[in-house]
Protein backbone atom coordinates (compact mmCIF):
# COMPACT_ATOMS: atom_id res chain seq x y z
CA MET A 1 0.00 0.00 0.00
CA LYS A 2 1.53 3.31 -1.08
CA LYS A 3 1.31 6.22 1.32
CA PHE A 4 1.91 9.85 0.43
CA PRO A 5 2.22 12.39 3.26
CA LEU A 6 0.78 15.88 3.16
CA LEU A 7 -0.95 15.56 -0.19
CA ALA A 8 -4.23 15.07 1.60
CA PHE A 9 -7.15 17.20 0.49
CA ALA A 10 -5.29 18.65 -2.48
CA CYS A 11 -8.71 19.11 -4.03
CA VAL A 12 -11.27 21.85 -3.80
CA PHE A 13 -14.90 21.60 -4.73
CA ALA A 14 -15.92 23.00 -8.04
CA PRO A 15 -18.55 25.72 -7.69
CA ILE A 16 -21.32 23.62 -9.23
CA ALA A 17 -24.82 22.66 -8.20
CA SER A 18 -23.91 19.08 -7.29
CA ALA A 19 -21.53 20.06 -4.48
CA GLN A 20 -23.11 19.88 -1.04
CA THR A 21 -22.14 20.45 2.59
CA PHE A 22 -23.83 19.08 5.70
CA GLY A 23 -23.08 20.82 8.99
CA PHE A 24 -26.21 19.34 10.61
CA GLU A 25 -27.15 22.78 11.93
CA THR A 26 -30.58 24.24 12.69
CA SER A 27 -30.01 26.68 9.81
CA GLU A 28 -30.02 23.66 7.49
CA GLY A 29 -33.23 22.31 8.99
CA PHE A 30 -31.72 19.74 11.38
CA THR A 31 -33.06 19.37 14.91
CA VAL A 32 -31.73 17.43 17.90
CA GLY A 33 -32.92 13.82 17.73
CA ASN A 34 -32.82 10.83 15.41
CA LEU A 35 -31.16 11.65 12.07
CA ASP A 36 -33.44 9.25 10.21
CA GLY A 37 -36.05 11.24 8.29
CA GLN A 38 -34.34 14.62 8.63
CA GLN A 39 -33.53 16.52 5.44
CA SER A 40 -33.81 13.34 3.33
CA TRP A 41 -31.40 11.35 5.51
CA ASN A 42 -32.33 7.71 6.12
CA GLY A 43 -30.98 4.68 7.92
CA ALA A 44 -29.52 3.58 11.21
CA SER A 45 -31.37 4.29 14.43
CA ASN A 46 -28.06 4.73 16.27
CA ALA A 47 -27.38 8.07 14.53
CA SER A 48 -28.79 11.27 15.98
CA VAL A 49 -28.27 15.01 15.72
CA SER A 50 -26.59 16.18 18.92
CA THR A 51 -25.27 19.32 20.60
CA GLU A 52 -22.75 17.43 22.75
CA ARG A 53 -19.77 17.98 20.44
CA ALA A 54 -19.44 20.09 17.31
CA ARG A 55 -16.47 21.06 15.21
CA THR A 56 -18.22 24.14 13.82
CA GLY A 57 -21.57 25.57 14.80
CA THR A 58 -23.39 23.85 17.65
CA GLN A 59 -24.55 20.51 16.23
CA SER A 60 -23.12 17.30 14.78
CA VAL A 61 -24.26 13.71 14.25
CA LYS A 62 -23.64 11.28 17.11
CA THR A 63 -23.41 7.53 16.50
CA ILE A 64 -23.50 4.97 19.30
CA GLY A 65 -22.31 1.44 18.57
CA GLY A 66 -24.04 -1.24 20.61
CA SER A 67 -25.21 -4.64 19.46
CA SER A 68 -25.27 -3.63 15.81
CA GLY A 69 -24.05 -1.10 13.31
CA GLY A 70 -24.99 0.35 9.99
CA SER A 71 -25.20 3.37 7.74
CA SER A 72 -27.19 6.55 7.61
CA TRP A 73 -27.40 7.84 4.07
CA VAL A 74 -28.83 10.56 1.87
CA ASP A 75 -29.68 10.47 -1.84
CA PHE A 76 -27.33 12.54 -3.97
CA SER A 77 -28.97 14.04 -7.05
CA PRO A 78 -27.92 14.20 -9.78
CA ALA A 79 -25.93 10.98 -9.45
CA LEU A 80 -22.15 11.39 -9.48
CA THR A 81 -20.59 9.92 -12.61
CA ASP A 82 -17.35 11.89 -12.76
CA GLU A 83 -14.47 12.17 -10.32
CA PHE A 84 -15.75 13.32 -6.94
CA PHE A 85 -14.40 14.02 -3.48
CA MET A 86 -16.11 13.48 -0.13
CA SER A 87 -14.87 14.14 3.39
CA VAL A 88 -16.04 14.44 6.98
CA TYR A 89 -14.61 15.23 10.40
CA VAL A 90 -14.87 12.42 12.98
CA ASN A 91 -14.44 12.70 16.75
CA ILE A 92 -14.19 9.29 18.47
CA VAL A 93 -14.90 9.31 22.20
CA SER A 94 -12.11 7.88 24.36
CA GLY A 95 -12.96 4.47 25.75
CA SER A 96 -14.54 3.34 22.49
CA SER A 97 -13.57 -0.18 21.51
CA ALA A 98 -10.89 -0.57 18.86
CA ASP A 99 -13.30 -3.04 17.24
CA ARG A 100 -15.66 -0.19 16.35
CA ILE A 101 -15.09 1.68 13.09
CA PHE A 102 -16.45 5.06 12.06
CA GLY A 103 -16.33 6.69 8.64
CA ILE A 104 -17.98 7.44 5.32
CA THR A 105 -19.10 5.36 2.37
CA ALA A 106 -20.62 5.81 -1.08
CA PHE A 107 -23.40 3.77 -2.67
CA ASN A 108 -24.97 3.02 -6.03
CA GLY A 109 -28.47 2.16 -4.92
CA PHE A 110 -28.09 -0.75 -2.52
CA LEU A 111 -24.54 -1.54 -3.66
CA THR A 112 -21.88 -0.37 -1.21
CA GLY A 113 -18.93 1.35 -2.84
CA PRO A 114 -15.65 2.93 -1.74
CA ASN A 115 -15.35 3.73 1.94
CA VAL A 116 -12.85 4.87 4.55
CA THR A 117 -13.08 4.40 8.32
CA ILE A 118 -10.97 4.91 11.43
CA SER A 119 -11.02 3.34 14.90
CA SER A 120 -9.94 4.36 18.39
CA SER A 121 -6.72 2.38 17.90
CA GLY A 122 -5.78 4.65 14.99
CA GLN A 123 -6.24 2.04 12.27
CA VAL A 124 -7.36 3.37 8.89
CA ARG A 125 -9.43 0.96 6.81
CA ALA A 126 -10.50 1.46 3.21
CA GLY A 127 -11.98 -0.63 0.45
CA ASN A 128 -15.11 -1.56 -1.42
CA SER A 129 -18.31 -3.31 -0.35
CA SER A 130 -18.70 -3.86 3.42
CA ALA A 131 -16.52 -1.47 5.42
CA PHE A 132 -16.16 -3.88 8.36
CA SER A 133 -14.25 -6.29 6.10
CA ALA A 134 -12.09 -3.61 4.46
CA PRO A 135 -8.33 -4.05 4.90
CA VAL A 136 -6.17 -1.85 7.10
CA VAL A 137 -4.31 0.58 4.84
CA GLY A 138 -2.43 2.50 7.50
CA ASN A 139 -2.43 4.06 10.95
CA LEU A 140 -2.93 7.56 12.27
CA THR A 141 0.27 9.15 13.53
CA SER A 142 -1.41 10.96 16.44
CA VAL A 143 -3.95 10.05 19.10
CA ALA A 144 -7.21 8.88 17.53
CA THR A 145 -9.72 9.92 20.19
CA ASP A 146 -11.29 13.11 21.55
CA ARG A 147 -10.23 15.29 18.64
CA TRP A 148 -11.62 16.10 15.20
CA ILE A 149 -9.98 14.03 12.46
CA GLN A 150 -10.67 14.68 8.79
CA ILE A 151 -11.08 11.64 6.56
CA GLY A 152 -12.06 11.52 2.91
CA LEU A 153 -11.90 9.78 -0.42
CA LEU A 154 -11.43 10.68 -4.07
CA TYR A 155 -13.05 8.35 -6.59
CA THR A 156 -13.99 8.21 -10.26
CA PRO A 157 -17.04 5.98 -10.92
CA GLY A 158 -16.26 3.15 -13.30
CA THR A 159 -12.72 2.70 -12.00
CA THR A 160 -11.33 0.12 -9.57
CA SER A 161 -9.11 2.38 -7.48
CA ALA A 162 -9.58 5.27 -5.07
CA THR A 163 -7.47 7.64 -3.04
CA VAL A 164 -8.34 7.91 0.63
CA PHE A 165 -7.24 10.46 3.19
CA ALA A 166 -6.93 10.37 6.96
CA ASP A 167 -5.55 13.13 9.15
CA GLY A 168 -3.01 14.42 6.65
CA GLN A 169 -2.04 11.07 5.15
CA GLN A 170 -2.97 9.77 1.71
CA PHE A 171 -3.32 6.16 0.56
CA ASN A 172 -3.97 4.64 -2.87
CA VAL A 173 -6.46 1.78 -2.62
CA ASN A 174 -7.25 -1.03 -5.08
CA LEU A 175 -11.00 -1.63 -4.83
CA GLY A 176 -11.16 -4.76 -6.97
CA SER A 177 -14.47 -3.72 -8.55
CA SER A 178 -16.21 -0.54 -9.57
CA LEU A 179 -19.52 1.30 -9.37
CA SER A 180 -20.85 3.00 -12.49
CA GLN A 181 -22.27 5.92 -10.51
CA ILE A 182 -22.79 7.18 -6.97
CA THR A 183 -26.40 7.77 -5.96
CA ASP A 184 -26.07 8.01 -2.17
CA ILE A 185 -23.46 9.00 0.38
CA GLY A 186 -23.43 7.96 4.00
CA ILE A 187 -22.09 7.95 7.53
CA TYR A 188 -20.91 4.53 8.67
CA SER A 189 -20.57 2.96 12.12
CA ASP A 190 -20.10 -0.75 12.73
CA TYR A 191 -18.17 -3.45 14.55
CA ILE A 192 -15.39 -5.49 12.91
CA SER A 193 -15.72 -8.85 14.65
CA ASP A 194 -17.10 -8.40 18.19
CA ILE A 195 -20.83 -7.73 18.21
CA ASN A 196 -20.63 -6.81 21.89
CA SER A 197 -18.08 -4.05 21.36
CA THR A 198 -19.22 -0.49 22.02
CA GLY A 199 -18.14 2.94 20.90
CA THR A 200 -19.32 6.48 20.24
CA ALA A 201 -18.28 9.04 17.64
CA TYR A 202 -19.43 12.39 16.29
CA PHE A 203 -19.48 13.52 12.64
CA ASP A 204 -19.42 17.11 11.41
CA ASP A 205 -18.80 19.19 8.28
CA TYR A 206 -19.59 16.53 5.68
CA ASN A 207 -18.62 17.70 2.18
CA VAL A 208 -19.31 15.94 -1.10
CA GLY A 209 -19.22 16.92 -4.76
CA ASP A 210 -17.28 16.91 -7.99
CA ALA A 211 -13.63 17.67 -7.32
CA VAL A 212 -11.02 19.72 -9.12
CA PRO A 213 -7.44 18.51 -8.46
CA GLU A 214 -5.19 21.38 -7.51
CA PRO A 215 -1.41 21.61 -8.06
CA ALA A 216 0.69 21.03 -4.96
CA THR A 217 1.51 24.73 -4.81
CA LEU A 218 -2.18 25.50 -4.34
CA ILE A 219 -2.86 23.00 -1.56
CA VAL A 220 -2.69 25.65 1.15
CA LEU A 221 -4.89 28.02 -0.82
CA GLY A 222 -7.42 25.28 -1.47
CA THR A 223 -7.56 24.34 2.20
CA ALA A 224 -7.94 27.97 3.20
CA ALA A 225 -10.77 28.43 0.71
CA LEU A 226 -12.66 25.53 2.23
CA ALA A 227 -12.17 26.95 5.71
CA VAL A 228 -13.52 30.34 4.63
CA ALA A 229 -16.51 28.68 2.99
CA ARG A 230 -17.34 26.84 6.21
CA ARG A 231 -17.12 30.01 8.28
CA LYS A 232 -19.39 31.87 5.87
CA ARG A 233 -21.94 29.08 6.05
CA LYS A 234 -22.30 29.42 9.83
């Protein structure tokens, strides 16, 4: 597995209609409580809008892993057929089992596509299909709990590889198969092998849309532009 440091998030969103940001704030129509059914989000009952921790604003999505896991997802229209980039900030609560993974995934209907997750042990997993069976592609270089960690992926539908990002590191991943388009994007929380494992994490500032690769010299500018956009949104 090839790893490239400090190339992470060398992409900025193109200013097009298909780009979308979820801060899970009241200004976007989200209220404290179960995420399912809010603003077209569907899925797992263990995901809820919360004010307990937030990277920006006052709200985020909290997931609690108990005897099961799963995804919460939202339809993405129009479907993504060209290269796209998606990212989210994750805050794993200390004491969460290393067997619990938290991250993001893409779908084509009911087919699970590329995904990237992290755990309290610092393991980074990425692959295709079920995230709980995805291989470990690397490890975080700093503590994995009680701080906001940005993870993301860059993927072109129809191809069998993706680039995933985790806390400033970049990994190229062979997916083995491809999806022709992306119709849904989601938040993922599950156990790897121990159904009795528990864990809690928060998700905030979820971005998704077509991506425009930027030269290395513009990485800092691109990152700054995203930060400004987030501040303006609040």
